[in-house]
Amino acid sequence: MKTVSIRDAKNRLTELAREVENGETIVITRNGRPILDLVPHQKRGGIDLKAGEAYLKAHGIDRTEGLIADDFDDQLPEDFLIRPSSY
């Protein structure tokens, strides 16, 4: 891991970007204190539905129940926040 001051990083950004592309992590400092890391970009994955299905199957869960009320998206009554709770 390489450490570079923010002033040097500003002047050498292209060079540092090439190093990061090659897998290097670079710590940028201000007044000797770390403020950020330059790291290689990692593509984020989404939800792996097949892995979820495999997990459920491995644990003997053959179906799941999900319930969303029909009025879930309906507007709340105007006095909703000032009404005392009923429970």
PDB file of N, CA and C in Angstrom:
ATOM      1  N   MET A   1       0.850  -1.167   0.000  1.00  0.00           N
ATOM      2  CA  MET A   1       0.000   0.000   0.000  1.00  0.00           C
ATOM      3  C   MET A   1       0.897   1.232   0.000  1.00  0.00           C
ATOM      4  N   LYS A   2       0.565   2.143  -0.870  1.00  0.00           N
ATOM      5  CA  LYS A   2       1.363   3.341  -1.056  1.00  0.00           C
ATOM      6  C   LYS A   2       0.637   4.530  -0.417  1.00  0.00           C
ATOM      7  N   THR A   3       1.381   5.475   0.151  1.00  0.00           N
ATOM      8  CA  THR A   3       0.814   6.674   0.756  1.00  0.00           C
ATOM      9  C   THR A   3       1.308   7.893  -0.011  1.00  0.00           C
ATOM     10  N   VAL A   4       0.372   8.784  -0.362  1.00  0.00           N
ATOM     11  CA  VAL A   4       0.698   9.964  -1.151  1.00  0.00           C
ATOM     12  C   VAL A   4      -0.059  11.153  -0.566  1.00  0.00           C
ATOM     13  N   SER A   5       0.586  12.318  -0.498  1.00  0.00           N
ATOM     14  CA  SER A   5      -0.101  13.518  -0.008  1.00  0.00           C
ATOM     15  C   SER A   5      -1.112  13.968  -1.055  1.00  0.00           C
ATOM     16  N   ILE A   6      -2.120  14.691  -0.602  1.00  0.00           N
ATOM     17  CA  ILE A   6      -3.162  15.142  -1.523  1.00  0.00           C
ATOM     18  C   ILE A   6      -2.590  16.073  -2.591  1.00  0.00           C
ATOM     19  N   ARG A   7      -1.596  16.843  -2.232  1.00  0.00           N
ATOM     20  CA  ARG A   7      -0.956  17.745  -3.208  1.00  0.00           C
ATOM     21  C   ARG A   7      -0.258  16.945  -4.307  1.00  0.00           C
ATOM     22  N   ASP A   8       0.498  15.900  -3.905  1.00  0.00           N
ATOM     23  CA  ASP A   8       1.164  15.057  -4.899  1.00  0.00           C
ATOM     24  C   ASP A   8       0.142  14.292  -5.735  1.00  0.00           C
ATOM     25  N   ALA A   9      -0.941  13.840  -5.100  1.00  0.00           N
ATOM     26  CA  ALA A   9      -1.976  13.087  -5.817  1.00  0.00           C
ATOM     27  C   ALA A   9      -2.608  13.952  -6.900  1.00  0.00           C
ATOM     28  N   LYS A  10      -2.817  15.223  -6.588  1.00  0.00           N
ATOM     29  CA  LYS A  10      -3.403  16.141  -7.566  1.00  0.00           C
ATOM     30  C   LYS A  10      -2.495  16.267  -8.790  1.00  0.00           C
ATOM     31  N   ASN A  11      -1.210  16.314  -8.558  1.00  0.00           N
ATOM     32  CA  ASN A  11      -0.266  16.481  -9.661  1.00  0.00           C
ATOM     33  C   ASN A  11       0.029  15.186 -10.408  1.00  0.00           C
ATOM     34  N   ARG A  12      -0.236  14.033  -9.789  1.00  0.00           N
ATOM     35  CA  ARG A  12       0.118  12.744 -10.389  1.00  0.00           C
ATOM     36  C   ARG A  12      -1.082  11.820 -10.559  1.00  0.00           C
ATOM     37  N   LEU A  13      -2.274  12.384 -10.737  1.00  0.00           N
ATOM     38  CA  LEU A  13      -3.492  11.578 -10.756  1.00  0.00           C
ATOM     39  C   LEU A  13      -3.472  10.487 -11.825  1.00  0.00           C
ATOM     40  N   THR A  14      -3.032  10.814 -13.022  1.00  0.00           N
ATOM     41  CA  THR A  14      -3.003   9.812 -14.096  1.00  0.00           C
ATOM     42  C   THR A  14      -2.089   8.655 -13.735  1.00  0.00           C
ATOM     43  N   GLU A  15      -0.923   8.943 -13.221  1.00  0.00           N
ATOM     44  CA  GLU A  15       0.030   7.899 -12.815  1.00  0.00           C
ATOM     45  C   GLU A  15      -0.564   7.035 -11.702  1.00  0.00           C
ATOM     46  N   LEU A  16      -1.184   7.673 -10.712  1.00  0.00           N
ATOM     47  CA  LEU A  16      -1.787   6.928  -9.604  1.00  0.00           C
ATOM     48  C   LEU A  16      -2.958   6.073 -10.094  1.00  0.00           C
ATOM     49  N   ALA A  17      -3.734   6.590 -11.037  1.00  0.00           N
ATOM     50  CA  ALA A  17      -4.851   5.827 -11.590  1.00  0.00           C
ATOM     51  C   ALA A  17      -4.355   4.557 -12.270  1.00  0.00           C
ATOM     52  N   ARG A  18      -3.234   4.647 -12.961  1.00  0.00           N
ATOM     53  CA  ARG A  18      -2.663   3.444 -13.609  1.00  0.00           C
ATOM     54  C   ARG A  18      -2.255   2.411 -12.565  1.00  0.00           C
ATOM     55  N   GLU A  19      -1.687   2.867 -11.467  1.00  0.00           N
ATOM     56  CA  GLU A  19      -1.287   1.942 -10.407  1.00  0.00           C
ATOM     57  C   GLU A  19      -2.513   1.269  -9.787  1.00  0.00           C
ATOM     58  N   VAL A  20      -3.563   2.045  -9.588  1.00  0.00           N
ATOM     59  CA  VAL A  20      -4.792   1.491  -9.021  1.00  0.00           C
ATOM     60  C   VAL A  20      -5.401   0.476  -9.990  1.00  0.00           C
ATOM     61  N   GLU A  21      -5.352   0.765 -11.282  1.00  0.00           N
ATOM     62  CA  GLU A  21      -5.853  -0.177 -12.292  1.00  0.00           C
ATOM     63  C   GLU A  21      -5.114  -1.507 -12.228  1.00  0.00           C
ATOM     64  N   ASN A  22      -3.868  -1.464 -11.796  1.00  0.00           N
ATOM     65  CA  ASN A  22      -3.065  -2.685 -11.672  1.00  0.00           C
ATOM     66  C   ASN A  22      -3.220  -3.356 -10.316  1.00  0.00           C
ATOM     67  N   GLY A  23      -4.175  -2.891  -9.515  1.00  0.00           N
ATOM     68  CA  GLY A  23      -4.474  -3.559  -8.249  1.00  0.00           C
ATOM     69  C   GLY A  23      -3.914  -2.906  -7.006  1.00  0.00           C
ATOM     70  N   GLU A  24      -3.168  -1.839  -7.152  1.00  0.00           N
ATOM     71  CA  GLU A  24      -2.564  -1.155  -6.006  1.00  0.00           C
ATOM     72  C   GLU A  24      -3.620  -0.348  -5.253  1.00  0.00           C
ATOM     73  N   THR A  25      -3.513  -0.290  -3.935  1.00  0.00           N
ATOM     74  CA  THR A  25      -4.331   0.599  -3.115  1.00  0.00           C
ATOM     75  C   THR A  25      -3.444   1.746  -2.667  1.00  0.00           C
ATOM     76  N   ILE A  26      -3.944   2.974  -2.839  1.00  0.00           N
ATOM     77  CA  ILE A  26      -3.157   4.152  -2.503  1.00  0.00           C
ATOM     78  C   ILE A  26      -3.911   4.969  -1.463  1.00  0.00           C
ATOM     79  N   VAL A  27      -3.229   5.291  -0.369  1.00  0.00           N
ATOM     80  CA  VAL A  27      -3.811   6.101   0.694  1.00  0.00           C
ATOM     81  C   VAL A  27      -3.430   7.553   0.442  1.00  0.00           C
ATOM     82  N   ILE A  28      -4.429   8.423   0.380  1.00  0.00           N
ATOM     83  CA  ILE A  28      -4.197   9.854   0.188  1.00  0.00           C
ATOM     84  C   ILE A  28      -4.251  10.520   1.565  1.00  0.00           C
ATOM     85  N   THR A  29      -3.251  11.355   1.851  1.00  0.00           N
ATOM     86  CA  THR A  29      -3.175  11.995   3.165  1.00  0.00           C
ATOM     87  C   THR A  29      -3.249  13.512   3.051  1.00  0.00           C
ATOM     88  N   ARG A  30      -3.699  14.138   4.122  1.00  0.00           N
ATOM     89  CA  ARG A  30      -3.652  15.598   4.248  1.00  0.00           C
ATOM     90  C   ARG A  30      -2.999  15.878   5.592  1.00  0.00           C
ATOM     91  N   ASN A  31      -1.924  16.626   5.585  1.00  0.00           N
ATOM     92  CA  ASN A  31      -1.155  16.919   6.802  1.00  0.00           C
ATOM     93  C   ASN A  31      -0.755  15.635   7.527  1.00  0.00           C
ATOM     94  N   GLY A  32      -0.407  14.598   6.752  1.00  0.00           N
ATOM     95  CA  GLY A  32       0.074  13.343   7.320  1.00  0.00           C
ATOM     96  C   GLY A  32      -1.011  12.405   7.813  1.00  0.00           C
ATOM     97  N   ARG A  33      -2.288  12.815   7.726  1.00  0.00           N
ATOM     98  CA  ARG A  33      -3.389  11.963   8.194  1.00  0.00           C
ATOM     99  C   ARG A  33      -4.159  11.414   7.007  1.00  0.00           C
ATOM    100  N   PRO A  34      -4.469  10.119   6.999  1.00  0.00           N
ATOM    101  CA  PRO A  34      -5.211   9.532   5.883  1.00  0.00           C
ATOM    102  C   PRO A  34      -6.599  10.148   5.752  1.00  0.00           C
ATOM    103  N   ILE A  35      -6.985  10.480   4.510  1.00  0.00           N
ATOM    104  CA  ILE A  35      -8.322  11.023   4.289  1.00  0.00           C
ATOM    105  C   ILE A  35      -9.136  10.192   3.303  1.00  0.00           C
ATOM    106  N   LEU A  36      -8.469   9.441   2.418  1.00  0.00           N
ATOM    107  CA  LEU A  36      -9.206   8.582   1.500  1.00  0.00           C
ATOM    108  C   LEU A  36      -8.280   7.534   0.910  1.00  0.00           C
ATOM    109  N   ASP A  37      -8.902   6.498   0.378  1.00  0.00           N
ATOM    110  CA  ASP A  37      -8.167   5.422  -0.288  1.00  0.00           C
ATOM    111  C   ASP A  37      -8.561   5.397  -1.759  1.00  0.00           C
ATOM    112  N   LEU A  38      -7.586   5.265  -2.627  1.00  0.00           N
ATOM    113  CA  LEU A  38      -7.853   4.979  -4.027  1.00  0.00           C
ATOM    114  C   LEU A  38      -7.753   3.474  -4.172  1.00  0.00           C
ATOM    115  N   VAL A  39      -8.834   2.851  -4.565  1.00  0.00           N
ATOM    116  CA  VAL A  39      -8.872   1.396  -4.690  1.00  0.00           C
ATOM    117  C   VAL A  39      -9.432   1.024  -6.053  1.00  0.00           C
ATOM    118  N   PRO A  40      -9.111  -0.163  -6.558  1.00  0.00           N
ATOM    119  CA  PRO A  40      -9.664  -0.593  -7.836  1.00  0.00           C
ATOM    120  C   PRO A  40     -11.184  -0.693  -7.760  1.00  0.00           C
ATOM    121  N   HIS A  41     -11.847  -0.325  -8.827  1.00  0.00           N
ATOM    122  CA  HIS A  41     -13.301  -0.401  -8.896  1.00  0.00           C
ATOM    123  C   HIS A  41     -13.739  -1.860  -8.889  1.00  0.00           C
ATOM    124  N   GLN A  42     -14.801  -2.133  -8.144  1.00  0.00           N
ATOM    125  CA  GLN A  42     -15.354  -3.482  -8.116  1.00  0.00           C
ATOM    126  C   GLN A  42     -16.807  -3.415  -8.546  1.00  0.00           C
ATOM    127  N   LYS A  43     -17.145  -4.211  -9.539  1.00  0.00           N
ATOM    128  CA  LYS A  43     -18.521  -4.240 -10.011  1.00  0.00           C
ATOM    129  C   LYS A  43     -19.394  -4.841  -8.923  1.00  0.00           C
ATOM    130  N   ARG A  44     -20.479  -4.159  -8.624  1.00  0.00           N
ATOM    131  CA  ARG A  44     -21.401  -4.654  -7.612  1.00  0.00           C
ATOM    132  C   ARG A  44     -22.363  -5.645  -8.243  1.00  0.00           C
ATOM    133  N   GLY A  45     -22.583  -6.711  -7.522  1.00  0.00           N
ATOM    134  CA  GLY A  45     -23.537  -7.697  -7.998  1.00  0.00           C
ATOM    135  C   GLY A  45     -24.914  -7.419  -7.441  1.00  0.00           C
ATOM    136  N   GLY A  46     -25.884  -8.031  -8.036  1.00  0.00           N
ATOM    137  CA  GLY A  46     -27.253  -7.894  -7.558  1.00  0.00           C
ATOM    138  C   GLY A  46     -27.616  -9.065  -6.660  1.00  0.00           C
ATOM    139  N   ILE A  47     -28.879  -9.245  -6.473  1.00  0.00           N
ATOM    140  CA  ILE A  47     -29.371 -10.342  -5.651  1.00  0.00           C
ATOM    141  C   ILE A  47     -29.258 -11.640  -6.444  1.00  0.00           C
ATOM    142  N   ASP A  48     -28.695 -12.649  -5.833  1.00  0.00           N
ATOM    143  CA  ASP A  48     -28.568 -13.953  -6.467  1.00  0.00           C
ATOM    144  C   ASP A  48     -29.766 -14.799  -6.058  1.00  0.00           C
ATOM    145  N   LEU A  49     -30.810 -14.759  -6.881  1.00  0.00           N
ATOM    146  CA  LEU A  49     -32.041 -15.479  -6.551  1.00  0.00           C
ATOM    147  C   LEU A  49     -31.830 -16.987  -6.509  1.00  0.00           C
ATOM    148  N   LYS A  50     -30.978 -17.502  -7.372  1.00  0.00           N
ATOM    149  CA  LYS A  50     -30.728 -18.945  -7.368  1.00  0.00           C
ATOM    150  C   LYS A  50     -30.077 -19.389  -6.069  1.00  0.00           C
ATOM    151  N   ALA A  51     -29.179 -18.563  -5.523  1.00  0.00           N
ATOM    152  CA  ALA A  51     -28.548 -18.891  -4.245  1.00  0.00           C
ATOM    153  C   ALA A  51     -29.596 -18.880  -3.136  1.00  0.00           C
ATOM    154  N   GLY A  52     -30.533 -17.941  -3.191  1.00  0.00           N
ATOM    155  CA  GLY A  52     -31.604 -17.892  -2.204  1.00  0.00           C
ATOM    156  C   GLY A  52     -32.499 -19.117  -2.274  1.00  0.00           C
ATOM    157  N   GLU A  53     -32.830 -19.526  -3.483  1.00  0.00           N
ATOM    158  CA  GLU A  53     -33.643 -20.730  -3.668  1.00  0.00           C
ATOM    159  C   GLU A  53     -32.901 -21.961  -3.151  1.00  0.00           C
ATOM    160  N   ALA A  54     -31.603 -22.053  -3.422  1.00  0.00           N
ATOM    161  CA  ALA A  54     -30.806 -23.191  -2.954  1.00  0.00           C
ATOM    162  C   ALA A  54     -30.755 -23.217  -1.429  1.00  0.00           C
ATOM    163  N   TYR A  55     -30.638 -22.042  -0.800  1.00  0.00           N
ATOM    164  CA  TYR A  55     -30.615 -21.960   0.658  1.00  0.00           C
ATOM    165  C   TYR A  55     -31.932 -22.470   1.241  1.00  0.00           C
ATOM    166  N   LEU A  56     -33.043 -21.992   0.692  1.00  0.00           N
ATOM    167  CA  LEU A  56     -34.348 -22.426   1.184  1.00  0.00           C
ATOM    168  C   LEU A  56     -34.522 -23.930   1.021  1.00  0.00           C
ATOM    169  N   LYS A  57     -34.128 -24.460  -0.126  1.00  0.00           N
ATOM    170  CA  LYS A  57     -34.254 -25.890  -0.388  1.00  0.00           C
ATOM    171  C   LYS A  57     -33.388 -26.693   0.581  1.00  0.00           C
ATOM    172  N   ALA A  58     -32.169 -26.215   0.845  1.00  0.00           N
ATOM    173  CA  ALA A  58     -31.259 -26.919   1.750  1.00  0.00           C
ATOM    174  C   ALA A  58     -31.793 -26.955   3.173  1.00  0.00           C
ATOM    175  N   HIS A  59     -32.630 -25.983   3.534  1.00  0.00           N
ATOM    176  CA  HIS A  59     -33.185 -25.927   4.883  1.00  0.00           C
ATOM    177  C   HIS A  59     -34.620 -26.435   4.950  1.00  0.00           C
ATOM    178  N   GLY A  60     -35.045 -27.114   3.887  1.00  0.00           N
ATOM    179  CA  GLY A  60     -36.359 -27.744   3.887  1.00  0.00           C
ATOM    180  C   GLY A  60     -37.530 -26.781   3.790  1.00  0.00           C
ATOM    181  N   ILE A  61     -37.301 -25.598   3.300  1.00  0.00           N
ATOM    182  CA  ILE A  61     -38.372 -24.619   3.149  1.00  0.00           C
ATOM    183  C   ILE A  61     -38.853 -24.684   1.709  1.00  0.00           C
ATOM    184  N   ASP A  62     -40.078 -25.154   1.521  1.00  0.00           N
ATOM    185  CA  ASP A  62     -40.553 -25.346   0.156  1.00  0.00           C
ATOM    186  C   ASP A  62     -41.396 -24.186  -0.355  1.00  0.00           C
ATOM    187  N   ARG A  63     -41.845 -23.309   0.541  1.00  0.00           N
ATOM    188  CA  ARG A  63     -42.583 -22.134   0.088  1.00  0.00           C
ATOM    189  C   ARG A  63     -42.462 -21.017   1.117  1.00  0.00           C
ATOM    190  N   THR A  64     -42.620 -19.818   0.654  1.00  0.00           N
ATOM    191  CA  THR A  64     -42.567 -18.669   1.552  1.00  0.00           C
ATOM    192  C   THR A  64     -43.869 -17.900   1.424  1.00  0.00           C
ATOM    193  N   GLU A  65     -44.259 -17.283   2.503  1.00  0.00           N
ATOM    194  CA  GLU A  65     -45.480 -16.485   2.518  1.00  0.00           C
ATOM    195  C   GLU A  65     -45.089 -15.020   2.558  1.00  0.00           C
ATOM    196  N   GLY A  66     -45.668 -14.247   1.716  1.00  0.00           N
ATOM    197  CA  GLY A  66     -45.456 -12.817   1.730  1.00  0.00           C
ATOM    198  C   GLY A  66     -46.800 -12.135   1.606  1.00  0.00           C
ATOM    199  N   LEU A  67     -47.044 -11.149   2.428  1.00  0.00           N
ATOM    200  CA  LEU A  67     -48.327 -10.468   2.393  1.00  0.00           C
ATOM    201  C   LEU A  67     -48.101  -8.969   2.393  1.00  0.00           C
ATOM    202  N   ILE A  68     -48.672  -8.332   1.395  1.00  0.00           N
ATOM    203  CA  ILE A  68     -48.693  -6.878   1.347  1.00  0.00           C
ATOM    204  C   ILE A  68     -50.160  -6.497   1.272  1.00  0.00           C
ATOM    205  N   ALA A  69     -50.615  -5.722   2.224  1.00  0.00           N
ATOM    206  CA  ALA A  69     -52.021  -5.332   2.279  1.00  0.00           C
ATOM    207  C   ALA A  69     -52.427  -4.585   1.014  1.00  0.00           C
ATOM    208  N   ASP A  70     -53.690  -4.750   0.623  1.00  0.00           N
ATOM    209  CA  ASP A  70     -54.187  -4.086  -0.579  1.00  0.00           C
ATOM    210  C   ASP A  70     -54.103  -2.564  -0.465  1.00  0.00           C
ATOM    211  N   ASP A  71     -54.219  -2.029   0.742  1.00  0.00           N
ATOM    212  CA  ASP A  71     -54.200  -0.578   0.928  1.00  0.00           C
ATOM    213  C   ASP A  71     -52.805  -0.054   1.321  1.00  0.00           C
ATOM    214  N   PHE A  72     -51.763  -0.833   1.082  1.00  0.00           N
ATOM    215  CA  PHE A  72     -50.404  -0.467   1.476  1.00  0.00           C
ATOM    216  C   PHE A  72     -49.998   0.917   0.957  1.00  0.00           C
ATOM    217  N   ASP A  73     -50.311   1.213  -0.285  1.00  0.00           N
ATOM    218  CA  ASP A  73     -49.902   2.475  -0.908  1.00  0.00           C
ATOM    219  C   ASP A  73     -50.919   3.597  -0.744  1.00  0.00           C
ATOM    220  N   ASP A  74     -52.037   3.337  -0.090  1.00  0.00           N
ATOM    221  CA  ASP A  74     -53.060   4.372   0.079  1.00  0.00           C
ATOM    222  C   ASP A  74     -52.545   5.493   0.970  1.00  0.00           C
ATOM    223  N   GLN A  75     -53.078   6.677   0.741  1.00  0.00           N
ATOM    224  CA  GLN A  75     -52.697   7.837   1.535  1.00  0.00           C
ATOM    225  C   GLN A  75     -53.216   7.665   2.961  1.00  0.00           C
ATOM    226  N   LEU A  76     -52.407   8.064   3.930  1.00  0.00           N
ATOM    227  CA  LEU A  76     -52.827   7.993   5.324  1.00  0.00           C
ATOM    228  C   LEU A  76     -53.838   9.095   5.620  1.00  0.00           C
ATOM    229  N   PRO A  77     -54.710   8.865   6.618  1.00  0.00           N
ATOM    230  CA  PRO A  77     -55.655   9.916   6.977  1.00  0.00           C
ATOM    231  C   PRO A  77     -54.920  11.170   7.439  1.00  0.00           C
ATOM    232  N   GLU A  78     -55.565  12.307   7.251  1.00  0.00           N
ATOM    233  CA  GLU A  78     -54.932  13.589   7.559  1.00  0.00           C
ATOM    234  C   GLU A  78     -54.539  13.709   9.029  1.00  0.00           C
ATOM    235  N   ASP A  79     -55.328  13.134   9.909  1.00  0.00           N
ATOM    236  CA  ASP A  79     -55.063  13.248  11.344  1.00  0.00           C
ATOM    237  C   ASP A  79     -54.271  12.060  11.915  1.00  0.00           C
ATOM    238  N   PHE A  80     -53.638  11.308  11.059  1.00  0.00           N
ATOM    239  CA  PHE A  80     -52.951  10.085  11.470  1.00  0.00           C
ATOM    240  C   PHE A  80     -51.912  10.321  12.577  1.00  0.00           C
ATOM    241  N   LEU A  81     -51.120  11.357  12.449  1.00  0.00           N
ATOM    242  CA  LEU A  81     -50.032  11.588  13.402  1.00  0.00           C
ATOM    243  C   LEU A  81     -50.500  12.218  14.713  1.00  0.00           C
ATOM    244  N   ILE A  82     -51.675  12.817  14.741  1.00  0.00           N
ATOM    245  CA  ILE A  82     -52.139  13.437  15.972  1.00  0.00           C
ATOM    246  C   ILE A  82     -53.168  12.589  16.714  1.00  0.00           C
ATOM    247  N   ARG A  83     -53.612  11.511  16.110  1.00  0.00           N
ATOM    248  CA  ARG A  83     -54.572  10.611  16.718  1.00  0.00           C
ATOM    249  C   ARG A  83     -53.859   9.707  17.707  1.00  0.00           C
ATOM    250  N   PRO A  84     -54.397   9.486  18.907  1.00  0.00           N
ATOM    251  CA  PRO A  84     -53.762   8.541  19.831  1.00  0.00           C
ATOM    252  C   PRO A  84     -53.836   7.129  19.259  1.00  0.00           C
ATOM    253  N   SER A  85     -52.836   6.326  19.570  1.00  0.00           N
ATOM    254  CA  SER A  85     -52.821   4.966  19.041  1.00  0.00           C
ATOM    255  C   SER A  85     -53.963   4.166  19.648  1.00  0.00           C
ATOM    256  N   SER A  86     -54.424   3.172  18.901  1.00  0.00           N
ATOM    257  CA  SER A  86     -55.559   2.382  19.355  1.00  0.00           C
ATOM    258  C   SER A  86     -55.121   1.058  19.965  1.00  0.00           C
ATOM    259  N   TYR A  87     -53.859   0.878  20.201  1.00  0.00           N
ATOM    260  CA  TYR A  87     -53.417  -0.375  20.809  1.00  0.00           C
ATOM    261  C   TYR A  87     -52.746  -0.184  22.115  1.00  0.00           C
TER     262      TYR A  87
END
